[in-house]
Amino acid sequence: MEAEVLVYIGKLRKYLNTNREAYEHFIGDMDENKFFDLVNEVAIKNYHEKNDPTLTMEQFEIVKKTLQIDHIASRDDSYYEPKIFIDNRGLERIITK
């Protein structure tokens, strides 16, 4: 891996560890390692294409949304219990497994 990318990731990691607001915005309760894996991939791509590993704010938001999708997809079914449906009369009923 290129030294510039390693330095960039190190600085970003330090920044997010010292700025709780930024950490909560980008990582929150999601997997920090997955976040940095995705950022690393984008930083390498940026470095090869632009000679600069720095991510744009749009790229950070894409990484965040990708992690959110992964986080939601990996939820256990019990997270969505009980299931609520509306029958053909418009009345609500709760159905459990």
Protein backbone atom coordinates (compact mmCIF):
# COMPACT_ATOMS: atom_id res chain seq x y z
CA MET A 1 0.00 0.00 0.00
CA GLU A 2 1.18 3.53 -0.76
CA ALA A 3 2.67 5.55 2.10
CA GLU A 4 0.44 8.55 1.34
CA VAL A 5 -2.67 6.41 1.84
CA LEU A 6 -1.34 5.04 5.14
CA VAL A 7 -0.59 8.55 6.40
CA TYR A 8 -4.04 9.77 5.32
CA ILE A 9 -5.82 6.86 7.05
CA GLY A 10 -3.73 7.41 10.20
CA LYS A 11 -4.62 11.11 10.32
CA LEU A 12 -8.29 10.36 9.67
CA ARG A 13 -8.35 7.73 12.42
CA LYS A 14 -6.74 10.19 14.86
CA TYR A 15 -9.21 12.94 13.87
CA LEU A 16 -12.24 10.70 14.37
CA ASN A 17 -10.91 9.49 17.73
CA THR A 18 -10.54 13.08 18.97
CA ASN A 19 -13.71 14.54 17.43
CA ARG A 20 -16.70 12.68 18.88
CA GLU A 21 -19.22 14.61 16.78
CA ALA A 22 -17.52 13.56 13.54
CA TYR A 23 -17.17 9.99 14.84
CA GLU A 24 -20.88 9.81 15.65
CA HIS A 25 -21.80 11.32 12.28
CA PHE A 26 -19.76 8.95 10.14
CA ILE A 27 -19.47 5.77 12.23
CA GLY A 28 -21.92 5.94 15.13
CA ASP A 29 -22.89 2.43 16.20
CA MET A 30 -21.61 0.78 13.02
CA ASP A 31 -18.42 -1.27 12.64
CA GLU A 32 -15.37 1.02 12.75
CA ASN A 33 -13.16 -1.53 10.99
CA LYS A 34 -15.58 -1.81 8.07
CA PHE A 35 -15.66 1.99 7.84
CA PHE A 36 -11.89 2.23 7.58
CA ASP A 37 -11.75 -0.70 5.14
CA LEU A 38 -14.13 1.14 2.80
CA VAL A 39 -12.34 4.46 3.26
CA ASN A 40 -9.04 2.71 2.52
CA GLU A 41 -10.40 1.29 -0.75
CA VAL A 42 -11.65 4.71 -1.87
CA ALA A 43 -8.41 6.41 -0.77
CA ILE A 44 -6.34 3.95 -2.82
CA LYS A 45 -8.57 4.55 -5.84
CA ASN A 46 -8.27 8.33 -5.37
CA TYR A 47 -4.50 8.07 -5.07
CA HIS A 48 -4.19 6.10 -8.31
CA GLU A 49 -6.57 8.39 -10.20
CA LYS A 50 -5.67 11.82 -8.73
CA ASN A 51 -2.39 11.30 -6.87
CA ASP A 52 -4.23 12.34 -3.69
CA PRO A 53 -5.89 9.85 -1.30
CA THR A 54 -8.19 12.45 0.29
CA LEU A 55 -11.89 11.57 0.13
CA THR A 56 -14.44 14.20 -0.81
CA MET A 57 -17.41 14.81 1.47
CA GLU A 58 -19.59 13.06 -1.11
CA GLN A 59 -17.35 9.98 -0.95
CA PHE A 60 -17.54 10.01 2.87
CA GLU A 61 -21.33 10.13 2.68
CA ILE A 62 -21.36 7.21 0.21
CA VAL A 63 -19.17 5.18 2.58
CA LYS A 64 -21.52 6.05 5.45
CA LYS A 65 -24.62 5.04 3.48
CA THR A 66 -22.97 1.81 2.35
CA LEU A 67 -22.24 0.94 5.98
CA GLN A 68 -25.79 1.81 7.00
CA ILE A 69 -27.18 -0.52 4.34
CA ASP A 70 -24.84 -3.29 5.50
CA HIS A 71 -25.79 -2.62 9.13
CA ILE A 72 -29.53 -2.81 8.37
CA ALA A 73 -29.15 -5.92 6.20
CA SER A 74 -27.32 -7.78 8.96
CA ARG A 75 -29.99 -7.18 11.61
CA ASP A 76 -31.56 -10.21 13.21
CA ASP A 77 -35.22 -10.90 12.37
CA SER A 78 -36.17 -10.31 16.00
CA TYR A 79 -35.33 -6.62 15.48
CA TYR A 80 -38.48 -6.33 13.36
CA GLU A 81 -40.86 -8.14 15.73
CA PRO A 82 -43.76 -7.91 16.19
CA LYS A 83 -44.85 -7.52 12.59
CA ILE A 84 -47.74 -5.16 12.05
CA PHE A 85 -50.01 -5.49 9.05
CA ILE A 86 -53.11 -3.65 7.93
CA ASP A 87 -55.87 -5.97 6.74
CA ASN A 88 -58.28 -5.20 3.89
CA ARG A 89 -60.64 -3.34 6.26
CA GLY A 90 -57.87 -1.01 7.39
CA LEU A 91 -57.69 -2.51 10.88
CA GLU A 92 -54.32 -3.20 12.45
CA ARG A 93 -53.42 -6.57 13.88
CA ILE A 94 -50.18 -7.86 15.30
CA ILE A 95 -48.85 -11.16 14.04
CA THR A 96 -46.03 -12.98 15.79
CA LYS A 97 -44.12 -16.00 14.57
